[in-house]
Amino acid sequence: MSTIGTKSRFRRKFAAVAGATALLVGGGIATASTASAGPVCPSGYHCLFEGNIGVSVHNYYNSDPDFTNDVFTSGRGVNDNSWAASNSSSGGYESHYYYDVNYGGGLVFCVNPGSVVYPDQLSDDFVDGNHNGQRDEASSLLMRPSTTISCF
């Protein structure tokens, strides 16, 4: 069985579970937490998830210009493999995720302090790292003070 075929089947199954989870959590609409802590993310950290919130995670305390050496708790690489994010900034910093290392290639998405973005809220063309869509695309994180950019 090919890795691509396995990954596609996993994504279809995961998409169904993620959609059902989102319906249970917020009636299909994710809402920002009123506290400064995002779900399943330690205070002061910006967290990326390989799957849904609470699944394999990598926590960031500072900006990171290059995800290529970062790994999720599953042991899988973070670069171009994230599906969800949570922001527990204790300093009010937004999490800005970029397509390329060194904050290049344009903004993939951003997350406000105390907020979260679930997999079903991010677009995906099922091709990792091609700068189309938002899931499986982030390669760097820049923490920014409050901006006028619309974030999750």
Protein backbone atom coordinates (compact mmCIF):
# COMPACT_ATOMS: atom_id res chain seq x y z
CA MET A 1 0.00 0.00 0.00
CA SER A 2 1.41 3.39 -0.93
CA THR A 3 2.06 6.13 1.62
CA ILE A 4 -0.03 8.54 -0.48
CA GLY A 5 -3.01 6.17 -0.52
CA THR A 6 -2.77 5.64 3.24
CA LYS A 7 -2.50 9.38 3.87
CA SER A 8 -5.56 10.11 1.67
CA ARG A 9 -7.66 7.50 3.49
CA PHE A 10 -6.52 8.89 6.85
CA ARG A 11 -7.48 12.41 5.80
CA ARG A 12 -10.97 11.35 4.65
CA LYS A 13 -11.58 9.52 7.93
CA PHE A 14 -10.09 12.35 9.96
CA ALA A 15 -12.19 14.97 8.13
CA ALA A 16 -15.37 13.11 9.11
CA VAL A 17 -14.28 12.88 12.76
CA ALA A 18 -13.12 16.52 12.86
CA GLY A 19 -16.43 17.71 11.42
CA ALA A 20 -18.39 15.73 14.00
CA THR A 21 -16.15 17.04 16.79
CA ALA A 22 -16.67 20.64 15.66
CA LEU A 23 -20.45 20.12 15.67
CA LEU A 24 -20.30 18.81 19.22
CA VAL A 25 -17.95 21.53 20.45
CA GLY A 26 -19.58 24.62 19.02
CA GLY A 27 -22.47 23.80 16.75
CA GLY A 28 -20.11 23.83 13.77
CA ILE A 29 -18.65 27.22 14.65
CA ALA A 30 -15.50 27.51 16.74
CA THR A 31 -15.52 30.34 19.21
CA ALA A 32 -12.67 32.12 20.92
CA SER A 33 -12.10 31.48 24.57
CA THR A 34 -12.68 34.41 26.91
CA ALA A 35 -9.55 33.44 28.86
CA SER A 36 -6.06 34.01 27.53
CA ALA A 37 -5.41 30.26 27.31
CA GLY A 38 -6.27 28.37 24.15
CA PRO A 39 -7.49 24.76 24.45
CA VAL A 40 -4.88 22.10 25.25
CA CYS A 41 -1.99 24.55 25.09
CA PRO A 42 0.09 25.55 28.13
CA SER A 43 -0.06 29.18 29.23
CA GLY A 44 2.43 31.33 27.31
CA TYR A 45 2.70 28.90 24.37
CA HIS A 46 1.55 28.77 20.76
CA CYS A 47 0.67 25.18 19.84
CA LEU A 48 0.43 23.39 16.50
CA PHE A 49 -1.36 20.04 16.16
CA GLU A 50 -0.78 17.25 13.67
CA GLY A 51 -4.49 16.42 13.76
CA ASN A 52 -7.30 17.86 15.81
CA ILE A 53 -6.80 19.87 19.01
CA GLY A 54 -5.39 17.59 21.67
CA VAL A 55 -3.77 15.19 19.20
CA SER A 56 0.00 15.09 18.53
CA VAL A 57 1.36 18.57 19.39
CA HIS A 58 4.40 20.83 19.17
CA ASN A 59 4.54 23.84 21.51
CA TYR A 60 6.33 27.11 20.74
CA TYR A 61 7.29 29.68 23.35
CA ASN A 62 9.01 32.06 20.91
CA SER A 63 8.86 32.74 17.18
CA ASP A 64 10.43 30.00 15.06
CA PRO A 65 11.67 30.88 11.55
CA ASP A 66 12.11 27.26 10.45
CA PHE A 67 9.96 24.20 11.28
CA THR A 68 12.15 21.73 9.34
CA ASN A 69 13.80 20.32 12.49
CA ASP A 70 10.67 20.41 14.70
CA VAL A 71 8.68 17.26 15.50
CA PHE A 72 5.22 16.55 16.90
CA THR A 73 4.85 14.28 19.91
CA SER A 74 4.08 11.49 17.40
CA GLY A 75 7.64 11.84 16.06
CA ARG A 76 6.42 13.18 12.71
CA GLY A 77 7.87 16.44 11.33
CA VAL A 78 5.97 19.69 11.90
CA ASN A 79 6.95 21.40 8.63
CA ASP A 80 4.00 21.34 6.20
CA ASN A 81 2.08 18.93 8.49
CA SER A 82 -0.10 21.01 10.84
CA TRP A 83 -3.90 20.78 10.88
CA ALA A 84 -4.90 22.88 13.91
CA ALA A 85 -3.50 25.52 16.25
CA SER A 86 -4.15 26.99 19.69
CA ASN A 87 -2.81 30.23 21.15
CA SER A 88 -2.25 30.55 24.92
CA SER A 89 -0.13 33.69 24.72
CA SER A 90 0.40 35.27 28.12
CA GLY A 91 1.67 38.48 26.48
CA GLY A 92 -1.18 39.04 24.01
CA TYR A 93 0.77 37.88 20.95
CA GLU A 94 -0.97 36.64 17.81
CA SER A 95 0.40 33.46 16.21
CA HIS A 96 1.21 34.17 12.52
CA TYR A 97 2.03 31.06 10.46
CA TYR A 98 3.82 31.41 7.11
CA TYR A 99 4.14 29.16 4.03
CA ASP A 100 7.94 29.25 3.94
CA VAL A 101 10.82 29.32 6.42
CA ASN A 102 11.97 32.77 7.56
CA TYR A 103 8.37 34.03 7.44
CA GLY A 104 8.31 33.94 3.64
CA GLY A 105 5.77 32.94 1.03
CA GLY A 106 2.88 34.83 2.60
CA LEU A 107 0.65 34.34 5.62
CA VAL A 108 -1.07 30.93 5.87
CA PHE A 109 -3.28 31.88 8.84
CA CYS A 110 -3.07 33.51 12.26
CA VAL A 111 -4.60 32.81 15.67
CA ASN A 112 -5.57 35.38 18.29
CA PRO A 113 -4.55 34.99 21.95
CA GLY A 114 -6.94 32.64 23.74
CA SER A 115 -8.30 31.31 20.47
CA VAL A 116 -8.10 28.13 18.42
CA VAL A 117 -8.46 26.99 14.83
CA TYR A 118 -9.80 23.50 14.11
CA PRO A 119 -8.93 21.37 11.04
CA ASP A 120 -12.32 21.89 9.41
CA GLN A 121 -11.76 25.67 9.47
CA LEU A 122 -8.58 25.43 7.38
CA SER A 123 -8.76 24.83 3.64
CA ASP A 124 -6.83 21.89 2.17
CA ASP A 125 -6.07 20.76 -1.38
CA PHE A 126 -4.45 17.50 -0.08
CA VAL A 127 -1.01 18.44 -1.45
CA ASP A 128 1.40 19.28 1.36
CA GLY A 129 3.64 22.34 1.08
CA ASN A 130 2.43 23.66 -2.28
CA HIS A 131 1.22 27.08 -0.97
CA ASN A 132 -2.41 26.24 -1.75
CA GLY A 133 -4.77 26.00 1.18
CA GLN A 134 -3.92 26.22 4.86
CA ARG A 135 -3.63 22.69 6.29
CA ASP A 136 -0.25 21.01 5.83
CA GLU A 137 1.34 24.29 4.72
CA ALA A 138 2.92 26.16 7.69
CA SER A 139 6.73 26.34 7.80
CA SER A 140 7.42 29.17 10.28
CA LEU A 141 5.81 31.03 13.19
CA LEU A 142 6.10 34.73 13.95
CA MET A 143 4.58 36.01 17.18
CA ARG A 144 3.25 39.51 16.70
CA PRO A 145 1.64 42.05 19.00
CA SER A 146 -1.99 42.79 18.18
CA THR A 147 -2.46 43.60 14.47
CA THR A 148 -5.35 44.62 12.22
CA ILE A 149 -5.13 41.29 10.36
CA SER A 150 -8.24 39.14 10.76
CA CYS A 151 -7.20 36.04 12.73
CA PHE A 152 -9.01 33.00 14.06
